């Protein structure tokens, strides 16, 4: 059974996802970097890139290519 509660304050966000990928905001068109990790880390990182591309609607765009096993290179293209 669910009990509704009123006037419970929401905790403030710790901002970790924003801090984790804040370097994206510093990148200029043509900049790139190499990302290495486990399959799980690479999947999470690709999802972050896709979300950023979707939210920015082409204003700031990132592309990636596999350059080896568990290694990808990411470019800022717009």
N, C-alpha and C. Protein backbone atom coordinates (compact mmCIF):
# COMPACT_ATOMS: atom_id res chain seq x y z
N UNK A 1 0.84 -1.17 0.00
CA UNK A 1 0.00 0.00 0.00
C UNK A 1 0.89 1.24 0.00
N UNK A 2 0.48 2.27 -0.70
CA UNK A 2 1.24 3.51 -0.80
C UNK A 2 0.61 4.57 0.09
N UNK A 3 1.45 5.26 0.82
CA UNK A 3 0.98 6.37 1.66
C UNK A 3 1.51 7.66 1.07
N UNK A 4 0.64 8.56 0.70
CA UNK A 4 1.06 9.85 0.15
C UNK A 4 1.51 10.77 1.27
N UNK A 5 2.60 11.49 1.01
CA UNK A 5 3.12 12.44 1.98
C UNK A 5 3.18 13.81 1.33
N UNK A 6 2.86 14.84 2.07
CA UNK A 6 2.86 16.20 1.55
C UNK A 6 4.01 17.00 2.15
N UNK A 7 4.49 17.96 1.35
CA UNK A 7 5.52 18.92 1.79
C UNK A 7 6.83 18.27 2.22
N UNK A 8 7.23 17.22 1.52
CA UNK A 8 8.54 16.61 1.76
C UNK A 8 9.51 17.25 0.78
N UNK A 9 10.55 17.95 1.25
CA UNK A 9 11.46 18.63 0.33
C UNK A 9 12.29 17.64 -0.48
N UNK A 10 12.53 18.00 -1.73
CA UNK A 10 13.36 17.17 -2.61
C UNK A 10 14.83 17.48 -2.34
N UNK A 11 15.68 16.47 -2.19
CA UNK A 11 17.11 16.74 -1.97
C UNK A 11 17.72 17.40 -3.21
N UNK A 12 18.72 18.23 -2.98
CA UNK A 12 19.40 18.88 -4.10
C UNK A 12 20.23 17.86 -4.87
N UNK A 13 20.33 18.07 -6.17
CA UNK A 13 21.13 17.19 -7.00
C UNK A 13 22.61 17.37 -6.68
N UNK A 14 23.34 16.27 -6.70
CA UNK A 14 24.78 16.38 -6.47
C UNK A 14 25.53 16.76 -7.73
N UNK A 15 24.85 16.74 -8.87
CA UNK A 15 25.45 17.19 -10.12
C UNK A 15 26.49 16.25 -10.70
N UNK A 16 26.58 15.04 -10.25
CA UNK A 16 27.64 14.14 -10.73
C UNK A 16 27.63 13.90 -12.23
N UNK A 17 26.49 13.60 -12.87
CA UNK A 17 26.56 13.39 -14.31
C UNK A 17 27.08 14.61 -15.06
N UNK A 18 26.67 15.78 -14.64
CA UNK A 18 27.13 17.01 -15.29
C UNK A 18 28.63 17.16 -15.12
N UNK A 19 29.15 16.90 -13.93
CA UNK A 19 30.57 17.02 -13.68
C UNK A 19 31.36 15.95 -14.42
N UNK A 20 30.79 14.77 -14.51
CA UNK A 20 31.48 13.66 -15.14
C UNK A 20 31.81 13.94 -16.60
N UNK A 21 30.89 14.57 -17.32
CA UNK A 21 31.08 14.84 -18.74
C UNK A 21 31.19 16.33 -19.03
N UNK A 22 31.62 17.12 -18.07
CA UNK A 22 31.68 18.57 -18.26
C UNK A 22 32.71 18.98 -19.32
N UNK A 23 33.69 18.12 -19.59
CA UNK A 23 34.70 18.45 -20.60
C UNK A 23 34.09 18.59 -21.99
N UNK A 24 32.92 17.99 -22.24
CA UNK A 24 32.25 18.17 -23.53
C UNK A 24 32.01 19.65 -23.83
N UNK A 25 31.68 20.41 -22.80
CA UNK A 25 31.39 21.83 -22.98
C UNK A 25 32.64 22.63 -23.33
N UNK A 26 33.80 22.11 -23.04
CA UNK A 26 35.06 22.80 -23.33
C UNK A 26 35.60 22.49 -24.72
N UNK A 27 35.05 21.46 -25.36
CA UNK A 27 35.56 21.04 -26.66
C UNK A 27 35.13 22.00 -27.76
N UNK A 28 36.03 22.22 -28.73
CA UNK A 28 35.72 23.01 -29.91
C UNK A 28 35.60 22.07 -31.10
N UNK A 29 34.99 22.54 -32.17
CA UNK A 29 34.82 21.73 -33.37
C UNK A 29 36.20 21.26 -33.84
N UNK A 30 36.33 19.97 -34.10
CA UNK A 30 37.59 19.38 -34.55
C UNK A 30 38.38 18.72 -33.43
N UNK A 31 38.09 19.06 -32.17
CA UNK A 31 38.76 18.42 -31.04
C UNK A 31 38.32 16.96 -30.95
N UNK A 32 39.21 16.09 -30.46
CA UNK A 32 38.86 14.69 -30.29
C UNK A 32 39.60 14.11 -29.09
N UNK A 33 39.18 12.95 -28.67
CA UNK A 33 39.84 12.24 -27.58
C UNK A 33 39.58 10.76 -27.74
N UNK A 34 40.39 9.94 -27.07
CA UNK A 34 40.25 8.49 -27.08
C UNK A 34 39.64 8.08 -25.74
N UNK A 35 38.67 7.17 -25.81
CA UNK A 35 38.04 6.65 -24.60
C UNK A 35 38.21 5.14 -24.59
N UNK A 36 38.79 4.62 -23.53
CA UNK A 36 38.97 3.18 -23.35
C UNK A 36 38.17 2.74 -22.14
N UNK A 37 37.62 1.55 -22.20
CA UNK A 37 36.89 1.04 -21.05
C UNK A 37 36.33 -0.34 -21.30
N UNK A 38 35.62 -0.81 -20.32
CA UNK A 38 34.94 -2.10 -20.45
C UNK A 38 33.72 -1.92 -21.35
N UNK A 39 33.14 -3.02 -21.75
CA UNK A 39 31.94 -2.95 -22.60
C UNK A 39 30.84 -2.16 -21.90
N UNK A 40 30.69 -2.34 -20.62
CA UNK A 40 29.66 -1.62 -19.85
C UNK A 40 29.95 -0.12 -19.82
N UNK A 41 31.21 0.26 -19.59
CA UNK A 41 31.58 1.67 -19.57
C UNK A 41 31.40 2.33 -20.94
N UNK A 42 31.77 1.60 -21.99
CA UNK A 42 31.61 2.13 -23.35
C UNK A 42 30.14 2.33 -23.69
N UNK A 43 29.29 1.40 -23.29
CA UNK A 43 27.86 1.53 -23.56
C UNK A 43 27.29 2.76 -22.83
N UNK A 44 27.66 2.95 -21.58
CA UNK A 44 27.19 4.11 -20.82
C UNK A 44 27.70 5.41 -21.45
N UNK A 45 28.93 5.41 -21.92
CA UNK A 45 29.50 6.60 -22.53
C UNK A 45 28.82 6.93 -23.86
N UNK A 46 28.57 5.91 -24.68
CA UNK A 46 27.85 6.11 -25.94
C UNK A 46 26.45 6.66 -25.68
N UNK A 47 25.79 6.15 -24.66
CA UNK A 47 24.46 6.66 -24.31
C UNK A 47 24.53 8.13 -23.90
N UNK A 48 25.57 8.51 -23.18
CA UNK A 48 25.74 9.91 -22.81
C UNK A 48 25.94 10.78 -24.05
N UNK A 49 26.72 10.28 -25.02
CA UNK A 49 26.92 11.02 -26.26
C UNK A 49 25.62 11.17 -27.05
N UNK A 50 24.88 10.09 -27.15
CA UNK A 50 23.61 10.14 -27.88
C UNK A 50 22.64 11.12 -27.23
N UNK A 51 22.57 11.09 -25.91
CA UNK A 51 21.69 12.00 -25.19
C UNK A 51 22.11 13.44 -25.42
N UNK A 52 23.41 13.69 -25.36
CA UNK A 52 23.90 15.05 -25.60
C UNK A 52 23.58 15.51 -27.01
N UNK A 53 23.76 14.64 -28.01
CA UNK A 53 23.43 14.99 -29.39
C UNK A 53 21.95 15.30 -29.53
N UNK A 54 21.12 14.51 -28.89
CA UNK A 54 19.67 14.69 -28.98
C UNK A 54 19.25 16.00 -28.31
N UNK A 55 19.80 16.28 -27.14
CA UNK A 55 19.42 17.50 -26.41
C UNK A 55 19.90 18.76 -27.09
N UNK A 56 21.04 18.71 -27.74
CA UNK A 56 21.60 19.90 -28.37
C UNK A 56 21.00 20.19 -29.74
N UNK A 57 20.26 19.25 -30.31
CA UNK A 57 19.58 19.44 -31.60
C UNK A 57 20.51 20.00 -32.69
N UNK A 58 21.72 19.48 -32.77
CA UNK A 58 22.64 19.87 -33.82
C UNK A 58 23.50 21.07 -33.49
N UNK A 59 23.22 21.75 -32.40
CA UNK A 59 24.00 22.92 -32.01
C UNK A 59 25.43 22.52 -31.65
N UNK A 60 25.56 21.43 -30.95
CA UNK A 60 26.86 20.87 -30.56
C UNK A 60 26.75 19.38 -30.77
N UNK A 61 27.52 18.84 -31.71
CA UNK A 61 27.35 17.44 -32.10
C UNK A 61 28.65 16.67 -31.92
N UNK A 62 28.51 15.42 -31.51
CA UNK A 62 29.66 14.54 -31.30
C UNK A 62 29.47 13.26 -32.11
N UNK A 63 30.56 12.80 -32.71
CA UNK A 63 30.57 11.53 -33.46
C UNK A 63 31.67 10.66 -32.88
N UNK A 64 31.51 9.35 -33.03
CA UNK A 64 32.52 8.42 -32.51
C UNK A 64 32.74 7.29 -33.50
N UNK A 65 33.95 6.75 -33.44
CA UNK A 65 34.33 5.59 -34.26
C UNK A 65 35.14 4.65 -33.40
N UNK A 66 34.99 3.37 -33.64
CA UNK A 66 35.79 2.36 -32.95
C UNK A 66 37.18 2.37 -33.57
N UNK A 67 38.20 2.38 -32.74
CA UNK A 67 39.58 2.36 -33.23
C UNK A 67 40.34 1.15 -32.73
N UNK A 68 39.68 0.28 -32.01
CA UNK A 68 40.28 -0.94 -31.50
C UNK A 68 39.30 -1.64 -30.59
N UNK A 69 39.73 -2.75 -30.03
CA UNK A 69 38.87 -3.46 -29.08
C UNK A 69 38.70 -2.62 -27.82
N UNK A 70 37.47 -2.32 -27.48
CA UNK A 70 37.14 -1.53 -26.29
C UNK A 70 37.78 -0.15 -26.30
N UNK A 71 37.98 0.41 -27.50
CA UNK A 71 38.55 1.76 -27.63
C UNK A 71 37.76 2.51 -28.69
N UNK A 72 37.35 3.74 -28.34
CA UNK A 72 36.66 4.58 -29.32
C UNK A 72 37.29 5.97 -29.31
N UNK A 73 37.23 6.62 -30.47
CA UNK A 73 37.65 8.02 -30.57
C UNK A 73 36.40 8.84 -30.81
N UNK A 74 36.33 9.98 -30.11
CA UNK A 74 35.17 10.86 -30.18
C UNK A 74 35.62 12.23 -30.70
N UNK A 75 34.86 12.79 -31.66
CA UNK A 75 35.12 14.11 -32.22
C UNK A 75 33.94 15.03 -31.98
N UNK A 76 34.22 16.30 -31.79
CA UNK A 76 33.15 17.29 -31.83
C UNK A 76 33.07 17.76 -33.28
N UNK A 77 31.90 17.59 -33.90
CA UNK A 77 31.76 17.89 -35.33
C UNK A 77 30.92 19.14 -35.59
N UNK A 78 30.24 19.65 -34.62
CA UNK A 78 29.45 20.89 -34.82
C UNK A 78 29.39 21.65 -33.52
